[in-house]
Amino acid sequence: MGIKYFVSTISFIFIFVSCKNSDEPKQINVTQNQITWSQNIAPIIYKNCTPCHRPNQSGPFNLLSYSDAMKKAKQIKFVTQTRYMPPWPADVNYSHFIGERILSKEDIELIRIWVDTKMLRGDSTYEPKSPIFDDRSFFGKPDLIVRAKDFVKIKGNGTDVFLIMKFPYELKNDTIADLIEFVPDQHKLVHHVNGHLISYDSNRTFNYMTGESIHNDTKAQLMDVYKNMHIPYTDKLQPNFPTLTPNAVYYLPGYLPPVYPSEIGGYKLKKNGAFLLNNIHYGPSIKDVIDSSYINVFFRKEPIKRRIIEMQLGTFGVSKIEPEFIIPPNEIKTFHTQTTLDKTISMLSINPHMHLIGKTFWAYALKPNGDTIPLIKIPKWDFRWQYYYTFKHPVKLEAGSTIHVFGVYDNTSANPLNPYSPPQTITNGNGVESMRTTEEMFQFIFTFVPYKEGDEKIDLERK
């Protein structure tokens, strides 16, 4: 709907909202003195800002009360007027996802007028209560918290740190994990996490609770690292290594694990197991710090019905990047990658990934008959906010459909986020170390289940 605002000389606001179901605009008349925190502003802030602006989360200050908002009122006005906040990089005119953090024009205008006038609190009896969150999680109280046996010590030498870490656990019985949430302690330093779920057969012998929990040489032979971490069985039988479920733990700035209805997803959780972070990347720090990140696990009572499959295009993925992924200095360059599906799928979530000099990101699917299915468009890439975007309903992609992905990179001095001055040639590096912030990546990761009739009608938002 289109929204227009007019402020008269007698301090009345006329808000005309063009409704799709009516040719006549709906007029709402309120005086500026009627715009209050209690009735107008608190609901906007608590819904869109407070989830991140609270203790132990990514927001740099709290927005849990009228007092908090008063202290930051001018800043709130500025970041909402410029649409810098709340962060939602995806273009809502191209495709839609669950949990879109977009303020309406009406919301933005109400905030502006409230700040520009007296920032009245209003009648507190109408004031909504500040949301209550579990400081340890975005999803409430976890059923299991898993920690590494040692803290990570990061030196303040201004260099990236890449580690392999083991988070062992023991349960009374086998169970099913609904979702697995990595909780970073050093929010500003943890760049990404990729981890697996290790499951042990209770009829075998093992000692995974001992051994190294942190290994800082990602260039070493992995089999030697895993042996030092006491990952293999100790009975010398075959197979020597326990079952591994890849990509059970994942994290990027702004990332939250997708939460699906109970008929989709889930992980078998053996009573003896560990989360093995095959790569945890800390960005450069200028001072010595200690990190004590941990993993939350939420159980599910229902059995696993439809397993989720993940596919990765581009860097380290199944598809080739064209042209070769080299970004020369002083150039703005576009890259493309694609894959054609051999089976019909129901796409659930997508995760675009670039680093600092990423400029724009665009992905769509081309059906065999030539029709286009829009997936995501990010007109202004922001390295700090990299969501796993979940569709409101599964997107059916027929066998023979081709997924196309385009990424634009700005390696010029005009890019304020360019890590090099003057600009230098940037590539995806070599191996794990290519994941350092100053290198680049071009990835499109998506999750799906094999298609079943009626999938398009499934509501993917957990109620």
Protein backbone atom coordinates (compact mmCIF):
# COMPACT_ATOMS: atom_id res chain seq x y z
CA MET A 1 0.00 0.00 0.00
CA GLY A 2 1.14 3.54 -0.64
CA ILE A 3 1.37 5.95 2.32
CA LYS A 4 1.55 9.76 2.29
CA TYR A 5 1.88 12.15 5.21
CA PHE A 6 0.73 15.75 5.58
CA VAL A 7 1.26 17.93 8.69
CA SER A 8 -1.02 20.92 8.97
CA THR A 9 -0.30 24.28 10.55
CA ILE A 10 -2.40 23.36 13.54
CA SER A 11 -0.19 20.36 14.36
CA PHE A 12 -2.52 17.69 13.08
CA ILE A 13 -1.20 14.71 11.17
CA PHE A 14 -3.30 13.30 8.36
CA ILE A 15 -2.15 9.85 7.31
CA PHE A 16 -3.73 8.61 4.10
CA VAL A 17 -3.41 4.88 3.54
CA SER A 18 -4.40 3.60 0.12
CA CYS A 19 -6.03 0.24 0.68
CA LYS A 20 -6.05 -2.45 -1.98
CA ASN A 21 -9.62 -3.39 -1.09
CA SER A 22 -10.99 0.15 -1.43
CA ASP A 23 -10.68 2.98 -3.91
CA GLU A 24 -11.14 5.51 -1.11
CA PRO A 25 -8.11 6.30 1.12
CA LYS A 26 -8.50 5.68 4.82
CA GLN A 27 -7.81 8.85 6.84
CA ILE A 28 -6.40 8.74 10.36
CA ASN A 29 -6.26 12.04 12.29
CA VAL A 30 -4.04 12.36 15.35
CA THR A 31 -2.42 15.38 16.98
CA GLN A 32 1.31 15.41 17.64
CA ASN A 33 0.58 15.36 21.38
CA GLN A 34 -1.22 12.07 20.88
CA ILE A 35 1.94 10.34 19.66
CA THR A 36 3.38 8.72 22.76
CA TRP A 37 5.84 6.06 23.71
CA SER A 38 3.17 3.95 25.40
CA GLN A 39 0.68 3.79 22.56
CA ASN A 40 2.67 4.37 19.39
CA ILE A 41 6.44 3.95 19.73
CA ALA A 42 6.99 1.13 22.24
CA PRO A 43 5.23 -1.49 20.05
CA ILE A 44 7.49 -0.55 17.12
CA ILE A 45 10.71 -0.62 19.16
CA TYR A 46 9.93 -3.80 21.07
CA LYS A 47 9.05 -5.73 17.91
CA ASN A 48 11.81 -4.53 15.59
CA CYS A 49 14.71 -3.32 17.76
CA THR A 50 14.73 -4.95 21.19
CA PRO A 51 15.54 -8.52 20.00
CA CYS A 52 19.08 -7.31 19.18
CA HIS A 53 19.28 -4.27 21.49
CA ARG A 54 19.48 -6.10 24.79
CA PRO A 55 22.24 -7.54 27.01
CA ASN A 56 24.65 -10.01 25.41
CA GLN A 57 23.34 -9.42 21.89
CA SER A 58 24.67 -7.56 18.85
CA GLY A 59 23.02 -4.18 19.53
CA PRO A 60 25.52 -1.65 21.01
CA PHE A 61 22.96 -0.38 23.54
CA ASN A 62 19.74 -1.57 25.17
CA LEU A 63 16.23 -0.64 24.06
CA LEU A 64 14.21 -2.24 26.81
CA SER A 65 12.36 0.75 28.22
CA TYR A 66 11.13 4.30 27.72
CA SER A 67 14.27 5.54 29.46
CA ASP A 68 16.51 3.61 27.06
CA ALA A 69 14.69 5.04 24.04
CA MET A 70 14.82 8.60 25.40
CA LYS A 71 18.61 8.42 25.70
CA LYS A 72 19.03 7.29 22.09
CA ALA A 73 16.02 9.07 20.54
CA LYS A 74 17.92 11.21 18.02
CA GLN A 75 20.00 8.24 16.94
CA ILE A 76 16.87 6.10 16.55
CA LYS A 77 15.32 8.80 14.39
CA PHE A 78 18.41 9.04 12.17
CA VAL A 79 18.90 5.30 11.58
CA THR A 80 15.21 4.72 10.85
CA GLN A 81 14.90 7.74 8.54
CA THR A 82 17.91 6.52 6.54
CA ARG A 83 16.64 2.90 6.77
CA TYR A 84 20.00 1.86 8.17
CA MET A 85 18.04 0.15 10.94
CA PRO A 86 16.50 -2.29 11.44
CA PRO A 87 18.91 -4.26 9.24
CA TRP A 88 17.28 -6.20 6.42
CA PRO A 89 19.49 -6.27 3.31
CA ALA A 90 17.11 -8.25 1.07
CA ASP A 91 14.90 -6.33 -1.35
CA VAL A 92 11.29 -6.86 -0.18
CA ASN A 93 10.05 -5.80 -3.60
CA TYR A 94 11.76 -8.87 -5.11
CA SER A 95 11.03 -11.72 -2.69
CA HIS A 96 9.70 -12.26 0.81
CA PHE A 97 10.94 -14.22 3.82
CA ILE A 98 9.93 -14.99 7.39
CA GLY A 99 10.85 -12.36 9.97
CA GLU A 100 11.40 -9.42 7.64
CA ARG A 101 12.68 -6.49 9.66
CA ILE A 102 11.15 -3.64 7.71
CA LEU A 103 9.52 -0.54 9.19
CA SER A 104 6.55 0.88 7.34
CA LYS A 105 6.58 4.50 6.22
CA GLU A 106 3.99 5.14 8.89
CA ASP A 107 6.23 3.67 11.63
CA ILE A 108 9.19 5.76 10.49
CA GLU A 109 7.10 8.93 10.40
CA LEU A 110 5.66 8.28 13.86
CA ILE A 111 9.18 7.89 15.28
CA ARG A 112 10.31 11.12 13.60
CA ILE A 113 7.43 13.17 14.96
CA TRP A 114 7.74 11.65 18.43
CA VAL A 115 11.43 12.57 18.59
CA ASP A 116 10.92 16.04 17.08
CA THR A 117 8.21 16.97 19.58
CA LYS A 118 8.21 16.22 23.30
CA MET A 119 8.93 12.46 23.30
CA LEU A 120 5.92 11.98 25.53
CA ARG A 121 5.56 8.78 27.47
CA GLY A 122 1.75 8.79 27.58
CA ASP A 123 -0.52 6.73 29.77
CA SER A 124 1.62 3.91 31.17
CA THR A 125 -1.47 1.72 31.61
CA TYR A 126 -1.47 1.32 27.81
CA GLU A 127 2.25 0.67 27.65
CA PRO A 128 3.19 -2.85 26.51
CA LYS A 129 5.52 -4.75 28.77
CA SER A 130 9.15 -4.96 27.71
CA PRO A 131 9.75 -8.32 26.01
CA ILE A 132 11.35 -10.99 28.16
CA PHE A 133 14.22 -12.86 26.54
CA ASP A 134 16.53 -15.60 27.65
CA ASP A 135 19.96 -13.95 27.59
CA ARG A 136 21.47 -17.26 26.49
CA SER A 137 19.38 -17.69 23.38
CA PHE A 138 17.03 -16.20 20.78
CA PHE A 139 14.78 -19.26 21.18
CA GLY A 140 14.16 -19.42 24.91
CA LYS A 141 15.65 -21.83 27.42
CA PRO A 142 17.73 -24.55 25.73
CA ASP A 143 17.49 -28.20 26.72
CA LEU A 144 21.25 -28.60 26.57
CA ILE A 145 24.19 -26.18 26.70
CA VAL A 146 27.47 -27.55 25.37
CA ARG A 147 30.78 -25.84 26.08
CA ALA A 148 34.35 -26.56 25.09
CA LYS A 149 36.58 -27.70 27.95
CA ASP A 150 38.95 -24.76 27.40
CA PHE A 151 38.51 -21.07 26.68
CA VAL A 152 39.89 -19.60 23.47
CA LYS A 153 42.71 -17.12 24.04
CA ILE A 154 42.92 -14.59 21.21
CA LYS A 155 46.03 -12.44 20.99
CA GLY A 156 45.71 -8.77 20.17
CA ASN A 157 48.10 -8.89 17.25
CA GLY A 158 45.66 -7.77 14.54
CA THR A 159 45.58 -11.09 12.66
CA ASP A 160 42.79 -13.55 11.81
CA VAL A 161 42.54 -16.70 13.91
CA PHE A 162 41.32 -20.05 12.53
CA LEU A 163 40.68 -22.92 14.95
CA ILE A 164 39.33 -26.46 15.08
CA MET A 165 37.32 -27.03 18.26
CA LYS A 166 35.59 -29.92 20.01
CA PHE A 167 32.46 -29.46 22.16
CA PRO A 168 31.77 -32.88 23.77
CA TYR A 169 28.55 -33.82 25.58
CA GLU A 170 26.92 -36.78 27.35
CA LEU A 171 23.20 -37.53 27.65
CA LYS A 172 21.20 -40.16 29.47
CA ASN A 173 19.51 -41.37 26.31
CA ASP A 174 19.52 -40.90 22.56
CA THR A 175 17.21 -38.09 21.47
CA ILE A 176 16.40 -35.76 18.57
CA ALA A 177 17.67 -32.20 18.28
CA ASP A 178 15.18 -29.73 16.89
CA LEU A 179 17.69 -26.94 16.28
CA ILE A 180 21.30 -26.20 17.20
CA GLU A 181 22.31 -22.63 17.99
CA PHE A 182 25.90 -21.37 18.19
CA VAL A 183 26.12 -18.46 20.66
CA PRO A 184 29.20 -16.26 20.14
CA ASP A 185 30.79 -14.71 23.20
CA GLN A 186 32.96 -12.21 21.32
CA HIS A 187 30.27 -10.95 18.93
CA LYS A 188 32.55 -8.51 17.15
CA LEU A 189 35.25 -11.10 16.48
CA VAL A 190 33.46 -14.34 15.56
CA HIS A 191 33.18 -14.19 11.78
CA HIS A 192 31.92 -17.64 10.91
CA VAL A 193 31.52 -21.17 12.24
CA ASN A 194 31.13 -24.43 10.35
CA GLY A 195 30.66 -27.53 12.46
CA HIS A 196 29.63 -31.18 12.40
CA LEU A 197 27.76 -33.44 14.77
CA ILE A 198 29.77 -36.49 15.86
CA SER A 199 27.75 -39.52 17.03
CA TYR A 200 29.18 -42.56 18.83
CA ASP A 201 27.83 -46.10 18.81
CA SER A 202 27.26 -47.02 22.49
CA ASN A 203 28.38 -50.60 21.71
CA ARG A 204 31.87 -49.39 20.77
CA THR A 205 34.64 -47.98 23.00
CA PHE A 206 35.84 -44.38 22.87
CA ASN A 207 37.39 -41.60 24.97
CA TYR A 208 36.23 -38.44 23.18
CA MET A 209 35.76 -36.59 26.50
CA THR A 210 39.55 -36.37 26.76
CA GLY A 211 42.16 -35.09 24.31
CA GLU A 212 42.58 -31.65 22.76
CA SER A 213 39.53 -29.41 22.65
CA ILE A 214 41.22 -26.63 20.65
CA HIS A 215 43.63 -26.99 17.75
CA ASN A 216 45.10 -23.88 16.17
CA ASP A 217 46.79 -25.31 13.10
CA THR A 218 44.20 -25.54 10.33
CA LYS A 219 46.93 -26.46 7.83
CA ALA A 220 47.84 -29.67 9.65
CA GLN A 221 46.72 -33.10 8.49
CA LEU A 222 43.12 -33.44 9.71
CA MET A 223 43.45 -37.12 10.60
CA ASP A 224 46.31 -36.25 12.96
CA VAL A 225 44.28 -33.41 14.46
CA TYR A 226 41.29 -35.68 15.04
CA LYS A 227 43.46 -38.30 16.69
CA ASN A 228 44.91 -35.67 19.05
CA MET A 229 41.34 -34.69 19.87
CA HIS A 230 40.49 -38.36 20.60
CA ILE A 231 37.75 -38.41 17.97
CA PRO A 232 38.32 -42.01 16.67
CA TYR A 233 37.07 -45.15 18.42
CA THR A 234 39.61 -46.87 20.66
CA ASP A 235 38.67 -50.50 19.95
CA LYS A 236 40.61 -50.68 16.65
CA LEU A 237 37.53 -51.98 14.84
CA GLN A 238 36.20 -50.62 11.56
CA PRO A 239 35.01 -48.05 10.83
CA ASN A 240 37.57 -46.27 12.96
CA PHE A 241 35.70 -42.96 13.00
CA PRO A 242 32.20 -42.33 14.40
CA THR A 243 29.26 -41.11 12.32
CA LEU A 244 29.53 -37.50 11.18
CA THR A 245 26.57 -35.26 10.31
CA PRO A 246 27.93 -32.29 8.37
CA ASN A 247 26.89 -28.65 8.80
CA ALA A 248 24.90 -29.18 11.99
CA VAL A 249 26.44 -26.02 13.49
CA TYR A 250 26.60 -22.84 11.50
CA TYR A 251 27.12 -19.15 12.24
CA LEU A 252 27.62 -15.84 10.45
CA PRO A 253 27.03 -12.27 11.70
CA GLY A 254 23.29 -11.80 11.95
CA TYR A 255 22.63 -15.52 11.49
CA LEU A 256 19.97 -17.45 13.37
CA PRO A 257 19.28 -21.14 12.76
CA PRO A 258 16.17 -21.65 10.63
CA VAL A 259 13.30 -23.00 12.69
CA TYR A 260 10.97 -25.24 10.69
CA PRO A 261 7.67 -26.95 11.50
CA SER A 262 8.05 -30.28 13.27
CA GLU A 263 7.57 -32.36 10.10
CA ILE A 264 10.73 -30.88 8.57
CA GLY A 265 14.33 -31.26 9.73
CA GLY A 266 15.83 -32.41 13.01
CA TYR A 267 19.04 -34.25 13.97
CA LYS A 268 19.54 -37.64 15.61
CA LEU A 269 21.44 -36.96 18.81
CA LYS A 270 23.22 -40.00 20.24
CA LYS A 271 23.75 -39.94 23.99
CA ASN A 272 27.52 -39.91 23.41
CA GLY A 273 28.69 -37.28 20.98
CA ALA A 274 30.39 -34.00 20.25
CA PHE A 275 30.12 -30.96 18.05
CA LEU A 276 33.26 -30.66 16.01
CA LEU A 277 33.83 -27.15 14.67
CA ASN A 278 36.00 -27.91 11.68
CA ASN A 279 36.47 -24.20 11.28
CA ILE A 280 35.83 -21.28 13.61
CA HIS A 281 37.15 -17.95 12.36
CA TYR A 282 37.90 -14.98 14.61
CA GLY A 283 38.54 -11.63 12.94
CA PRO A 284 41.56 -9.51 13.93
CA SER A 285 41.69 -8.14 17.49
CA ILE A 286 43.83 -5.25 18.76
CA LYS A 287 43.80 -6.54 22.33
CA ASP A 288 44.10 -9.89 24.09
CA VAL A 289 40.65 -11.37 24.78
CA ILE A 290 39.09 -14.60 26.01
CA ASP A 291 36.23 -16.23 24.10
CA SER A 292 33.81 -18.63 25.75
CA SER A 293 31.26 -19.22 23.00
CA TYR A 294 28.91 -22.17 23.47
CA ILE A 295 26.25 -24.24 21.72
CA ASN A 296 22.56 -24.45 22.61
CA VAL A 297 20.58 -27.55 21.73
CA PHE A 298 16.79 -27.73 21.67
CA PHE A 299 15.17 -31.18 21.74
CA ARG A 300 12.23 -32.41 19.67
CA LYS A 301 9.72 -35.05 20.70
CA GLU A 302 8.56 -35.97 17.20
CA PRO A 303 10.60 -38.39 15.07
CA ILE A 304 12.47 -37.10 12.03
CA LYS A 305 10.14 -37.23 9.02
CA ARG A 306 11.87 -35.21 6.29
CA ARG A 307 15.61 -34.68 6.41
CA ILE A 308 16.97 -31.37 5.20
CA ILE A 309 19.63 -31.35 2.49
CA GLU A 310 22.07 -28.49 1.98
CA MET A 311 23.77 -27.45 -1.26
CA GLN A 312 26.48 -24.86 -1.77
CA LEU A 313 27.23 -23.01 -5.00
CA GLY A 314 30.34 -20.99 -5.75
CA THR A 315 33.39 -20.95 -3.45
CA PHE A 316 34.05 -24.51 -2.14
CA GLY A 317 30.72 -25.50 -3.72
CA VAL A 318 29.42 -27.70 -6.51
CA SER A 319 29.37 -25.02 -9.21
CA LYS A 320 32.11 -23.16 -11.06
CA ILE A 321 32.49 -19.39 -10.73
CA GLU A 322 32.78 -17.53 -14.03
CA PRO A 323 34.93 -15.69 -14.87
CA GLU A 324 37.76 -16.96 -12.66
CA PHE A 325 37.32 -15.50 -9.19
CA ILE A 326 40.01 -12.83 -9.30
CA ILE A 327 39.18 -9.19 -8.53
CA PRO A 328 41.93 -6.88 -9.82
CA PRO A 329 42.59 -3.56 -8.09
CA ASN A 330 40.56 -0.52 -9.18
CA GLU A 331 37.86 -2.65 -10.80
CA ILE A 332 34.19 -3.35 -10.18
CA LYS A 333 33.64 -6.89 -11.38
CA THR A 334 30.63 -9.20 -11.77
CA PHE A 335 30.76 -12.98 -11.28
CA HIS A 336 28.24 -15.71 -12.05
CA THR A 337 27.66 -19.29 -10.95
CA GLN A 338 24.86 -21.72 -11.73
CA THR A 339 23.59 -25.24 -11.30
CA THR A 340 20.79 -27.24 -12.93
CA LEU A 341 18.61 -29.43 -10.72
CA ASP A 342 18.18 -33.09 -11.65
CA LYS A 343 15.25 -33.57 -9.25
CA THR A 344 12.28 -31.46 -8.18
CA ILE A 345 12.91 -29.86 -4.79
CA SER A 346 11.20 -27.69 -2.20
CA MET A 347 13.64 -24.90 -1.34
CA LEU A 348 13.39 -23.82 2.31
CA SER A 349 16.12 -21.31 3.15
CA ILE A 350 18.94 -19.49 1.39
CA ASN A 351 22.19 -17.93 2.57
CA PRO A 352 24.14 -15.53 0.31
CA HIS A 353 27.75 -14.99 1.36
CA MET A 354 30.38 -12.42 0.41
CA HIS A 355 33.03 -10.48 2.31
CA LEU A 356 33.99 -6.81 2.55
CA ILE A 357 34.10 -5.71 -1.07
CA GLY A 358 30.82 -7.39 -2.00
CA LYS A 359 28.51 -4.84 -3.58
CA THR A 360 25.31 -6.56 -4.76
CA PHE A 361 23.93 -10.12 -4.77
CA TRP A 362 21.20 -11.58 -6.97
CA ALA A 363 19.83 -15.11 -7.32
CA TYR A 364 16.91 -16.53 -9.28
CA ALA A 365 15.80 -19.82 -10.81
CA LEU A 366 14.94 -20.31 -14.47
CA LYS A 367 12.32 -23.01 -15.03
CA PRO A 368 12.57 -25.37 -18.04
CA ASN A 369 9.77 -23.41 -19.75
CA GLY A 370 11.69 -20.14 -19.35
CA ASP A 371 9.72 -18.70 -16.43
CA THR A 372 11.75 -16.93 -13.73
CA ILE A 373 11.38 -17.64 -10.02
CA PRO A 374 12.86 -14.78 -7.94
CA LEU A 375 14.93 -16.01 -4.99
CA ILE A 376 16.77 -13.02 -3.51
CA LYS A 377 18.16 -9.64 -4.45
CA ILE A 378 20.45 -7.65 -2.15
CA PRO A 379 21.03 -4.23 -3.75
CA LYS A 380 23.47 -3.09 -1.05
CA TRP A 381 25.53 -5.89 0.45
CA ASP A 382 26.38 -5.50 4.15
CA PHE A 383 29.07 -7.81 5.51
CA ARG A 384 27.76 -7.32 9.06
CA TRP A 385 24.33 -8.85 8.36
CA GLN A 386 24.30 -12.23 6.66
CA TYR A 387 21.04 -13.98 7.29
CA TYR A 388 19.83 -17.45 6.50
CA TYR A 389 16.66 -16.27 4.79
CA THR A 390 13.71 -18.67 5.17
CA PHE A 391 10.84 -18.51 2.70
CA LYS A 392 7.32 -18.18 4.04
CA HIS A 393 6.39 -21.30 2.07
CA PRO A 394 8.67 -23.84 0.36
CA VAL A 395 9.57 -22.77 -3.16
CA LYS A 396 9.02 -25.53 -5.70
CA LEU A 397 11.86 -25.81 -8.22
CA GLU A 398 11.21 -28.35 -10.95
CA ALA A 399 13.79 -30.79 -12.23
CA GLY A 400 15.65 -29.09 -15.06
CA SER A 401 15.42 -25.66 -13.43
CA THR A 402 18.68 -23.71 -13.35
CA ILE A 403 19.66 -21.57 -10.38
CA HIS A 404 21.60 -18.48 -11.44
CA VAL A 405 23.63 -16.39 -9.00
CA PHE A 406 25.37 -13.06 -9.67
CA GLY A 407 27.72 -11.15 -7.39
CA VAL A 408 29.25 -7.72 -7.92
CA TYR A 409 32.48 -6.75 -6.15
CA ASP A 410 33.93 -3.24 -5.78
CA ASN A 411 37.72 -3.35 -5.45
CA THR A 412 38.25 0.39 -5.86
CA SER A 413 39.46 3.06 -3.48
CA ALA A 414 35.94 4.52 -3.60
CA ASN A 415 34.72 1.53 -1.57
CA PRO A 416 35.12 2.58 2.11
CA LEU A 417 35.11 -1.09 3.18
CA ASN A 418 38.03 -2.07 0.95
CA PRO A 419 40.54 -3.73 3.32
CA TYR A 420 43.49 -2.52 1.23
CA SER A 421 44.71 1.00 0.53
CA PRO A 422 45.74 1.25 -2.20
CA PRO A 423 43.56 -1.58 -3.62
CA GLN A 424 45.24 -4.94 -4.24
CA THR A 425 44.27 -8.03 -6.20
CA ILE A 426 41.79 -10.04 -4.12
CA THR A 427 40.95 -13.73 -4.61
CA ASN A 428 39.47 -16.55 -2.55
CA GLY A 429 42.97 -17.49 -1.38
CA ASN A 430 43.92 -21.10 -0.85
CA GLY A 431 42.09 -23.58 1.35
CA VAL A 432 40.76 -22.74 4.81
CA GLU A 433 42.88 -19.61 5.07
CA SER A 434 40.92 -18.12 2.16
CA MET A 435 38.18 -17.49 4.68
CA ARG A 436 40.07 -14.61 6.26
CA THR A 437 38.15 -11.35 6.15
CA THR A 438 40.53 -9.63 3.75
CA GLU A 439 40.07 -12.36 1.13
CA GLU A 440 36.78 -12.86 -0.69
CA MET A 441 34.10 -15.49 -1.15
CA PHE A 442 31.15 -15.91 -3.51
CA GLN A 443 28.68 -18.46 -2.17
CA PHE A 444 25.01 -19.28 -2.40
CA ILE A 445 23.97 -21.90 0.15
CA PHE A 446 20.46 -23.29 0.24
CA THR A 447 18.51 -25.96 2.10
CA PHE A 448 15.76 -28.11 0.65
CA VAL A 449 13.76 -31.31 0.90
CA PRO A 450 12.69 -33.51 -2.00
CA TYR A 451 9.39 -32.15 -3.31
CA LYS A 452 6.05 -33.60 -2.20
CA GLU A 453 2.64 -32.61 -3.50
CA GLY A 454 1.29 -29.71 -1.43
CA ASP A 455 4.65 -28.43 -0.18
CA GLU A 456 3.86 -24.97 -1.56
CA LYS A 457 1.11 -24.63 1.06
CA ILE A 458 3.26 -25.49 4.09
CA ASP A 459 3.68 -22.53 6.46
CA LEU A 460 7.38 -22.56 7.37
CA GLU A 461 6.99 -20.12 10.23
CA ARG A 462 7.06 -21.87 13.60
CA LYS A 463 4.09 -20.67 15.63
